[in-house]
Amino acid sequence: MASFPKLTLYRANGSCAFVPHSVLRELGIPFTAVRMTMGAGGLWEAADGTLSHAEYRRTVNALGVIPSLKVEAADGAVAVITEMPAVLTYIASLAPTAGDAQHIAGKTAVARALAVSWLAFLSGQLHGRGYGGLWRPRRYVDGARYPDAEKLVIAGGRVSIAECYALIEARLPAADTGFALGALETQPSLVDFNVYLFYRWGVENRFDMDTYPRYTRLARAMETRESVKKAIEVEELDFKFPV
């Protein structure tokens, strides 16, 4: 049996931390989860009250955001990995060296580089710029003083999100087979787990996701995976493609 470091994932139901949650389950890697929730002012704190936002920033993630992955090695060394591309890349390094999941970060050097490119795009453009503008406009403008400007930021966020969804659609295989890294891929990569989460958000935020048939096919396929289904159940979410 493989020996893994002790992992603690700081996550919130339905948040972007769904991605590492589902990837850990896909790889069969044991972990402990600390469920976070938004407290006063939209700041993350432990849902059970054991970790305030201030304590979370001081002891786990200085930016106070999720996901965070605490790694405790057998020799006692402790590290906290933050930022989605880094968290997923580290988890992929723990993948088994045989079997379907061994290439979850990509089969070749080029595929692995393309996966990193995807993850950076999803994290920076779609999440940071798009959903950041939609959900957190006051990061960019004082909405109390400039309500019209706040509305423009929100509208701009929706435009950015739609542009990103169109780019995802264009980059996915045209055939009814494969995954994000190519039409010949038979198993999902880190990218597929990530784009699935953003498909969910698109549905929940009233984007017409049927406009993107390739993306819809991929999201439907991902939702049939046991790891994704289990993460949905644990996080008490709904299925976007109920049977």
Protein backbone atom coordinates (compact mmCIF):
# COMPACT_ATOMS: atom_id res chain seq x y z
CA MET A 1 0.00 0.00 0.00
CA ALA A 2 1.28 3.46 -0.91
CA SER A 3 2.30 5.72 1.95
CA PHE A 4 0.96 9.25 1.78
CA PRO A 5 1.72 12.36 3.83
CA LYS A 6 -1.03 13.56 6.12
CA LEU A 7 -3.19 15.92 4.09
CA THR A 8 -5.69 18.48 5.35
CA LEU A 9 -7.87 20.20 2.78
CA TYR A 10 -9.53 23.46 3.75
CA ARG A 11 -12.66 23.62 1.62
CA ALA A 12 -16.21 24.93 1.46
CA ASN A 13 -19.24 23.25 -0.03
CA GLY A 14 -19.70 24.21 -3.68
CA SER A 15 -16.58 26.37 -3.78
CA CYS A 16 -13.58 26.02 -6.09
CA ALA A 17 -12.14 23.63 -3.48
CA PHE A 18 -14.57 21.08 -4.93
CA VAL A 19 -11.86 20.47 -7.54
CA PRO A 20 -9.07 19.19 -5.25
CA HIS A 21 -11.73 17.42 -3.18
CA SER A 22 -12.89 15.40 -6.18
CA VAL A 23 -9.34 14.80 -7.46
CA LEU A 24 -8.25 13.40 -4.09
CA ARG A 25 -11.19 11.01 -4.23
CA GLU A 26 -10.40 10.07 -7.82
CA LEU A 27 -6.87 9.08 -6.80
CA GLY A 28 -7.95 7.35 -3.60
CA ILE A 29 -5.69 9.53 -1.48
CA PRO A 30 -6.71 9.78 2.19
CA PHE A 31 -7.24 13.27 3.56
CA THR A 32 -8.95 15.21 6.31
CA ALA A 33 -11.26 18.06 5.39
CA VAL A 34 -11.86 21.24 7.34
CA ARG A 35 -15.14 22.66 6.11
CA MET A 36 -15.08 26.41 5.84
CA THR A 37 -17.96 28.84 5.58
CA MET A 38 -18.28 32.55 4.89
CA GLY A 39 -18.64 34.56 8.05
CA ALA A 40 -19.09 38.29 8.53
CA GLY A 41 -17.93 40.34 5.59
CA GLY A 42 -17.65 37.30 3.34
CA LEU A 43 -14.52 36.05 5.11
CA TRP A 44 -13.69 32.36 5.40
CA GLU A 45 -13.77 30.67 8.80
CA ALA A 46 -14.29 27.09 10.01
CA ALA A 47 -17.93 26.04 9.86
CA ASP A 48 -17.69 24.44 13.31
CA GLY A 49 -16.31 27.61 14.89
CA THR A 50 -12.89 26.14 15.72
CA LEU A 51 -10.95 28.45 13.39
CA SER A 52 -11.67 32.15 13.03
CA HIS A 53 -10.80 34.03 9.87
CA ALA A 54 -7.95 35.78 11.66
CA GLU A 55 -6.56 32.45 12.88
CA TYR A 56 -6.92 30.94 9.42
CA ARG A 57 -4.88 33.78 7.91
CA ARG A 58 -2.29 33.57 10.64
CA THR A 59 -1.82 29.80 10.72
CA VAL A 60 -2.86 28.49 7.30
CA ASN A 61 -3.28 30.93 4.42
CA ALA A 62 -2.13 34.53 4.71
CA LEU A 63 -4.58 35.60 2.00
CA GLY A 64 -7.48 34.01 3.84
CA VAL A 65 -8.83 32.20 0.78
CA ILE A 66 -9.52 28.58 -0.17
CA PRO A 67 -8.48 25.99 -1.11
CA SER A 68 -5.48 25.39 1.10
CA LEU A 69 -3.77 22.03 1.43
CA LYS A 70 -1.69 21.34 4.54
CA VAL A 71 0.94 18.65 3.98
CA GLU A 72 2.52 16.95 6.99
CA ALA A 73 5.37 14.63 6.06
CA ALA A 74 6.53 11.60 8.03
CA ASP A 75 9.65 13.48 9.15
CA GLY A 76 7.51 16.19 10.74
CA ALA A 77 7.94 18.79 8.01
CA VAL A 78 4.81 20.83 7.41
CA ALA A 79 3.93 22.91 4.35
CA VAL A 80 0.77 24.65 3.24
CA ILE A 81 0.11 24.74 -0.49
CA THR A 82 -2.17 27.46 -1.82
CA GLU A 83 -3.43 28.56 -5.26
CA MET A 84 -5.39 26.09 -7.35
CA PRO A 85 -2.73 25.20 -9.97
CA ALA A 86 -0.19 24.45 -7.23
CA VAL A 87 -2.63 22.45 -5.09
CA LEU A 88 -3.67 20.29 -8.04
CA THR A 89 -0.11 19.82 -9.28
CA TYR A 90 0.98 18.58 -5.87
CA ILE A 91 -1.96 16.19 -5.56
CA ALA A 92 -1.13 14.82 -9.01
CA SER A 93 2.41 14.10 -7.82
CA LEU A 94 0.88 11.58 -5.40
CA ALA A 95 -0.94 9.68 -8.16
CA PRO A 96 -0.26 5.95 -8.46
CA THR A 97 2.47 4.95 -10.90
CA ALA A 98 0.21 2.41 -12.58
CA GLY A 99 -3.43 2.27 -13.58
CA ASP A 100 -5.86 4.69 -15.16
CA ALA A 101 -5.06 7.66 -12.92
CA GLN A 102 -1.28 7.70 -13.32
CA HIS A 103 -1.42 10.35 -16.05
CA ILE A 104 -3.87 12.69 -14.37
CA ALA A 105 -1.43 15.59 -14.90
CA GLY A 106 -0.86 14.61 -18.55
CA LYS A 107 0.88 11.75 -20.35
CA THR A 108 3.69 13.70 -22.01
CA ALA A 109 5.75 16.81 -21.29
CA VAL A 110 3.66 18.76 -23.79
CA ALA A 111 0.40 17.49 -22.27
CA ARG A 112 1.59 18.43 -18.79
CA ALA A 113 2.50 21.92 -20.00
CA LEU A 114 -0.89 22.27 -21.67
CA ALA A 115 -2.54 21.20 -18.42
CA VAL A 116 -0.67 23.92 -16.53
CA SER A 117 -1.74 26.42 -19.19
CA TRP A 118 -5.36 25.37 -18.74
CA LEU A 119 -5.16 25.59 -14.95
CA ALA A 120 -3.59 29.06 -15.07
CA PHE A 121 -6.26 30.26 -17.49
CA LEU A 122 -9.09 28.86 -15.38
CA SER A 123 -7.67 30.27 -12.16
CA GLY A 124 -6.62 33.68 -13.46
CA GLN A 125 -9.06 34.56 -16.20
CA LEU A 126 -12.27 32.65 -15.52
CA HIS A 127 -12.17 32.57 -11.74
CA GLY A 128 -10.15 35.65 -10.82
CA ARG A 129 -11.21 38.08 -13.50
CA GLY A 130 -14.64 36.72 -14.42
CA TYR A 131 -16.19 35.39 -11.25
CA GLY A 132 -14.14 37.83 -9.18
CA GLY A 133 -15.90 40.68 -10.97
CA LEU A 134 -19.31 39.04 -10.72
CA TRP A 135 -19.15 38.06 -7.06
CA ARG A 136 -16.61 40.43 -5.56
CA PRO A 137 -17.00 43.75 -7.40
CA ARG A 138 -16.01 45.68 -4.29
CA ARG A 139 -12.50 44.36 -4.65
CA TYR A 140 -12.27 46.81 -7.54
CA VAL A 141 -14.62 49.68 -6.74
CA ASP A 142 -16.27 51.26 -3.70
CA GLY A 143 -19.83 50.19 -4.41
CA ALA A 144 -21.27 52.28 -1.60
CA ARG A 145 -19.86 55.45 -3.16
CA TYR A 146 -20.04 54.42 -6.79
CA PRO A 147 -22.99 52.04 -7.25
CA ASP A 148 -23.11 52.55 -11.01
CA ALA A 149 -19.44 51.62 -11.30
CA GLU A 150 -20.09 48.51 -9.22
CA LYS A 151 -22.82 47.47 -11.66
CA LEU A 152 -20.38 47.92 -14.54
CA VAL A 153 -17.83 45.67 -12.82
CA ILE A 154 -20.49 42.99 -12.32
CA ALA A 155 -21.57 43.26 -15.95
CA GLY A 156 -17.96 43.10 -17.06
CA GLY A 157 -17.49 39.97 -14.98
CA ARG A 158 -20.34 38.28 -16.81
CA VAL A 159 -18.87 39.27 -20.16
CA SER A 160 -15.48 37.83 -19.16
CA ILE A 161 -17.09 34.60 -17.97
CA ALA A 162 -18.99 34.16 -21.23
CA GLU A 163 -15.80 34.80 -23.20
CA CYS A 164 -13.98 32.16 -21.17
CA TYR A 165 -16.77 29.63 -21.67
CA ALA A 166 -16.58 30.23 -25.42
CA LEU A 167 -12.82 29.65 -25.31
CA ILE A 168 -13.29 26.42 -23.35
CA GLU A 169 -15.84 25.24 -25.91
CA ALA A 170 -13.44 25.99 -28.75
CA ARG A 171 -10.53 24.18 -27.09
CA LEU A 172 -12.42 20.98 -26.28
CA PRO A 173 -12.38 18.06 -28.75
CA ALA A 174 -15.03 18.28 -31.46
CA ALA A 175 -15.57 14.52 -31.36
CA ASP A 176 -17.85 12.83 -28.87
CA THR A 177 -14.82 11.26 -27.24
CA GLY A 178 -11.84 12.34 -25.25
CA PHE A 179 -11.25 14.94 -22.59
CA ALA A 180 -9.78 18.43 -22.35
CA LEU A 181 -6.24 17.36 -23.26
CA GLY A 182 -7.31 15.65 -26.47
CA ALA A 183 -9.84 13.57 -28.38
CA LEU A 184 -7.78 10.41 -27.86
CA GLU A 185 -7.63 10.74 -24.07
CA THR A 186 -9.49 7.93 -22.32
CA GLN A 187 -9.18 9.25 -18.76
CA PRO A 188 -9.76 12.74 -17.35
CA SER A 189 -6.93 15.03 -16.31
CA LEU A 190 -6.79 17.70 -13.65
CA VAL A 191 -8.21 20.08 -16.24
CA ASP A 192 -11.43 18.11 -16.63
CA PHE A 193 -12.19 18.18 -12.91
CA ASN A 194 -11.57 21.93 -12.94
CA VAL A 195 -13.71 22.78 -15.96
CA TYR A 196 -16.53 20.65 -14.54
CA LEU A 197 -16.69 22.89 -11.48
CA PHE A 198 -16.96 26.00 -13.64
CA TYR A 199 -19.74 24.39 -15.66
CA ARG A 200 -21.68 23.96 -12.41
CA TRP A 201 -21.13 27.61 -11.58
CA GLY A 202 -22.33 28.60 -15.05
CA VAL A 203 -25.62 26.78 -14.52
CA GLU A 204 -26.02 28.27 -11.05
CA ASN A 205 -25.38 31.80 -12.32
CA ARG A 206 -27.87 31.61 -15.19
CA PHE A 207 -25.50 31.26 -18.11
CA ASP A 208 -27.00 29.33 -21.01
CA MET A 209 -24.64 26.36 -20.85
CA ASP A 210 -26.53 24.53 -23.61
CA THR A 211 -24.81 27.03 -25.91
CA TYR A 212 -21.66 24.97 -25.39
CA PRO A 213 -22.36 21.40 -26.58
CA ARG A 214 -18.78 20.12 -26.27
CA TYR A 215 -18.49 21.55 -22.79
CA THR A 216 -21.87 20.10 -21.83
CA ARG A 217 -20.83 16.64 -23.07
CA LEU A 218 -17.65 16.81 -21.00
CA ALA A 219 -19.45 18.02 -17.87
CA ARG A 220 -22.04 15.28 -18.23
CA ALA A 221 -19.28 12.66 -18.54
CA MET A 222 -17.44 14.00 -15.50
CA GLU A 223 -20.58 13.89 -13.36
CA THR A 224 -20.84 10.13 -13.92
CA ARG A 225 -17.50 9.49 -12.22
CA GLU A 226 -17.73 7.99 -8.75
CA SER A 227 -15.24 10.50 -7.34
CA VAL A 228 -17.28 13.45 -8.57
CA LYS A 229 -20.56 11.92 -7.42
CA LYS A 230 -19.14 11.31 -3.95
CA ALA A 231 -17.82 14.88 -3.70
CA ILE A 232 -21.25 16.18 -4.75
CA GLU A 233 -22.92 14.09 -2.06
CA VAL A 234 -20.45 15.04 0.68
CA GLU A 235 -20.78 18.73 -0.16
CA GLU A 236 -24.58 18.42 -0.25
CA LEU A 237 -24.83 19.77 -3.79
CA ASP A 238 -27.28 18.99 -6.56
CA PHE A 239 -26.51 17.00 -9.68
CA LYS A 240 -26.60 19.07 -12.86
CA PHE A 241 -27.39 15.97 -14.92
CA PRO A 242 -29.72 13.92 -12.70
CA VAL A 243 -30.42 10.41 -13.94
